[in-house]
N, C-alpha and C. Protein backbone atom coordinates (compact mmCIF):
# COMPACT_ATOMS: atom_id res chain seq x y z
N ALA A 1 0.79 -1.25 -0.09
CA ALA A 1 -0.17 -0.10 -0.05
C ALA A 1 0.73 0.94 -0.18
N VAL A 2 2.03 1.33 0.60
CA VAL A 2 2.88 2.41 0.73
C VAL A 2 3.43 2.79 -0.72
N ALA A 3 3.56 1.45 -1.57
CA ALA A 3 4.21 1.79 -2.89
C ALA A 3 3.18 2.66 -3.64
N CYS A 4 1.94 2.17 -3.44
CA CYS A 4 0.81 2.68 -4.14
C CYS A 4 0.79 4.33 -3.92
N ASP A 5 0.84 4.65 -2.69
CA ASP A 5 0.95 5.94 -1.93
C ASP A 5 1.77 6.89 -2.69
N LYS A 6 2.95 6.29 -2.57
CA LYS A 6 4.32 6.79 -3.04
C LYS A 6 4.19 6.99 -4.62
N ALA A 7 3.32 6.23 -5.61
CA ALA A 7 3.25 6.16 -6.76
C ALA A 7 2.37 7.35 -7.34
N SER A 8 1.51 7.57 -6.46
CA SER A 8 0.55 8.53 -6.48
C SER A 8 1.25 9.96 -6.07
N PHE A 9 1.79 9.85 -4.94
CA PHE A 9 2.55 11.58 -4.84
C PHE A 9 3.23 11.58 -6.02
N ASP A 10 4.05 11.08 -6.53
CA ASP A 10 5.01 11.09 -7.56
C ASP A 10 4.38 11.25 -8.89
N PHE A 11 3.11 10.78 -9.23
CA PHE A 11 1.95 11.33 -10.14
C PHE A 11 1.85 12.97 -10.12
N ILE A 12 1.34 13.18 -8.85
CA ILE A 12 1.15 14.56 -8.07
C ILE A 12 2.09 15.65 -8.70
N LYS A 13 3.39 14.87 -8.30
CA LYS A 13 4.45 15.78 -8.31
C LYS A 13 4.71 16.56 -9.81
N GLU A 14 4.52 15.08 -10.45
CA GLU A 14 5.11 15.51 -12.26
C GLU A 14 3.88 16.14 -13.21
N ALA A 15 2.65 16.30 -12.32
CA ALA A 15 1.36 16.90 -12.81
C ALA A 15 1.47 18.32 -12.71
N ALA A 16 0.56 19.06 -13.82
CA ALA A 16 0.61 20.55 -14.15
C ALA A 16 -0.22 21.17 -12.82
N ALA A 17 -0.11 22.22 -12.32
CA ALA A 17 -1.29 22.57 -11.34
C ALA A 17 -2.46 22.93 -12.25
N TYR A 18 -3.47 22.67 -11.50
CA TYR A 18 -4.66 23.07 -12.02
C TYR A 18 -4.88 24.57 -12.14
N PRO A 19 -5.36 25.18 -13.34
CA PRO A 19 -5.56 26.81 -13.56
C PRO A 19 -6.54 27.09 -11.98
N GLY A 20 -5.74 28.31 -11.64
CA GLY A 20 -6.81 28.94 -10.64
C GLY A 20 -6.50 28.45 -9.40
N SER A 21 -6.10 26.97 -9.07
CA SER A 21 -5.82 26.21 -7.92
C SER A 21 -4.83 26.90 -6.63
N GLU A 22 -4.74 26.74 -5.78
CA GLU A 22 -3.81 27.45 -4.28
C GLU A 22 -2.31 26.96 -5.29
N ILE A 23 -2.22 25.90 -5.66
CA ILE A 23 -1.03 25.56 -6.16
C ILE A 23 -0.54 26.09 -7.39
N ASP A 24 -1.62 26.30 -8.21
CA ASP A 24 -1.25 27.42 -9.44
C ASP A 24 -0.95 28.99 -8.75
N ARG A 25 -1.62 29.34 -7.95
CA ARG A 25 -1.52 30.48 -7.28
C ARG A 25 0.07 30.83 -6.70
N LYS A 26 0.34 29.18 -6.16
CA LYS A 26 1.75 29.44 -5.34
C LYS A 26 2.95 29.14 -6.44
N ARG A 27 2.43 29.35 -7.77
CA ARG A 27 3.28 28.90 -8.89
C ARG A 27 4.31 27.61 -8.89
N LYS A 28 3.62 26.40 -8.35
CA LYS A 28 4.02 25.21 -8.64
C LYS A 28 3.41 24.73 -9.53
N GLY A 29 4.23 23.90 -10.45
CA GLY A 29 4.35 23.15 -11.29
C GLY A 29 4.97 21.94 -11.95
N ARG A 30 5.22 21.60 -12.91
CA ARG A 30 5.88 19.92 -12.98
C ARG A 30 7.04 19.91 -12.23
N GLY A 31 6.95 18.91 -11.72
CA GLY A 31 8.39 18.69 -11.15
C GLY A 31 8.34 18.95 -9.44
N ASP A 32 7.24 20.01 -9.00
CA ASP A 32 7.39 20.81 -7.86
C ASP A 32 6.59 20.05 -6.90
N GLU A 33 7.03 19.94 -5.62
CA GLU A 33 6.74 19.42 -4.51
C GLU A 33 5.17 19.95 -4.26
N LYS A 34 3.82 19.66 -4.04
CA LYS A 34 2.68 20.10 -4.08
C LYS A 34 1.89 19.90 -2.81
N ILE A 35 2.31 18.99 -2.29
CA ILE A 35 1.32 18.65 -1.09
C ILE A 35 1.62 19.25 0.08
N ASN A 36 3.06 19.91 0.16
CA ASN A 36 3.23 20.81 1.35
C ASN A 36 2.79 22.26 1.09
N VAL A 37 2.29 22.76 -0.22
CA VAL A 37 1.56 23.88 -0.17
C VAL A 37 0.10 23.94 0.43
N ILE A 38 -0.36 22.63 0.39
CA ILE A 38 -1.68 22.61 0.98
C ILE A 38 -1.36 22.30 2.57
N TYR A 39 -0.79 21.28 3.06
CA TYR A 39 -0.15 20.66 4.37
C TYR A 39 1.21 21.25 4.62
N PRO A 40 1.38 22.43 5.02
CA PRO A 40 2.93 22.65 4.99
C PRO A 40 3.48 22.01 6.06
N ASP A 41 2.96 21.77 6.94
CA ASP A 41 3.52 20.71 8.42
C ASP A 41 4.15 19.37 7.98
N ILE A 42 3.67 18.79 6.68
CA ILE A 42 3.59 17.45 6.27
C ILE A 42 4.81 17.55 5.71
N ASP A 43 6.08 16.61 5.88
CA ASP A 43 7.75 16.74 5.32
C ASP A 43 6.95 15.28 4.60
N MET A 44 6.73 14.81 3.65
CA MET A 44 6.65 14.04 2.73
C MET A 44 7.83 13.07 2.86
N GLU A 45 8.98 13.31 2.68
CA GLU A 45 10.50 12.49 2.10
C GLU A 45 10.31 11.89 3.77
N ARG A 46 9.94 12.61 4.91
CA ARG A 46 10.29 11.81 6.20
C ARG A 46 9.18 11.13 6.50
N TYR A 47 8.12 11.34 5.99
CA TYR A 47 6.76 10.36 5.97
C TYR A 47 7.08 9.15 5.14
N TRP A 48 7.86 8.87 4.22
CA TRP A 48 8.24 7.75 3.23
C TRP A 48 9.26 7.09 4.15
N GLU A 49 10.36 7.54 4.63
CA GLU A 49 11.41 7.28 5.79
C GLU A 49 10.74 6.63 6.78
N VAL A 50 9.79 7.21 7.54
CA VAL A 50 9.37 6.60 8.50
C VAL A 50 8.31 4.94 8.15
N CYS A 51 7.67 5.21 7.26
CA CYS A 51 6.83 4.36 6.96
C CYS A 51 7.92 3.20 6.39
N GLU A 52 8.85 3.11 6.25
CA GLU A 52 9.98 2.30 5.61
C GLU A 52 10.54 1.56 6.94
N GLN A 53 10.94 2.65 7.69
CA GLN A 53 11.51 2.04 9.00
C GLN A 53 10.50 1.21 10.01
N ALA A 54 9.34 1.59 9.68
CA ALA A 54 8.19 0.91 10.54
C ALA A 54 8.01 -0.40 9.80
N GLN A 55 8.24 -0.47 8.55
CA GLN A 55 8.30 -1.92 8.04
C GLN A 55 6.51 -1.87 7.51
N VAL A 56 6.05 -0.75 7.26
CA VAL A 56 4.79 -0.91 6.80
C VAL A 56 4.85 -1.15 5.31
N GLY A 57 5.44 -0.93 4.72
CA GLY A 57 5.89 -1.10 3.29
C GLY A 57 6.74 -0.59 2.84
N SER A 58 7.10 -1.26 1.34
CA SER A 58 8.14 -0.32 0.59
C SER A 58 7.61 0.62 -0.15
N VAL A 59 8.51 1.72 -0.54
CA VAL A 59 8.29 2.65 -1.19
C VAL A 59 8.40 2.69 -2.74
N GLU A 60 9.20 1.22 -2.92
CA GLU A 60 9.46 0.99 -4.54
C GLU A 60 8.57 0.65 -5.10
N TYR A 61 8.41 1.01 -6.36
CA TYR A 61 7.21 0.47 -7.17
C TYR A 61 7.71 0.57 -8.76
N GLU A 62 6.99 -0.15 -9.76
CA GLU A 62 7.56 -0.08 -10.83
C GLU A 62 6.12 0.44 -11.75
N ILE A 63 6.15 1.35 -12.67
CA ILE A 63 4.94 1.53 -13.47
C ILE A 63 4.78 0.69 -14.64
N GLU A 64 3.67 0.18 -14.82
CA GLU A 64 3.61 -0.76 -16.14
C GLU A 64 2.46 -0.20 -17.21
N LYS A 65 2.92 0.55 -18.59
CA LYS A 65 2.05 0.86 -19.54
C LYS A 65 1.27 0.08 -19.61
N LEU A 66 -0.22 -0.24 -20.00
CA LEU A 66 -0.99 -1.12 -20.53
C LEU A 66 -1.53 -0.84 -21.83
N SER A 67 -1.32 -1.65 -22.86
CA SER A 67 -1.61 -1.02 -23.97
C SER A 67 -3.53 -1.58 -24.49
């Protein structure tokens, strides 16, 4: 489940900001960390570390394109 969360986080990071959104107003775009714009107290890198240290799951994943 952690890998699925990490993949979702990475997809959000690589996505363009929705025009007119808070993220757009903060001038965040493709490749920018967007979660902390809305939730500034959350350190996502620390979150992933804690998940792995607690052995909740791995953050490693592989995306497979389906045709």
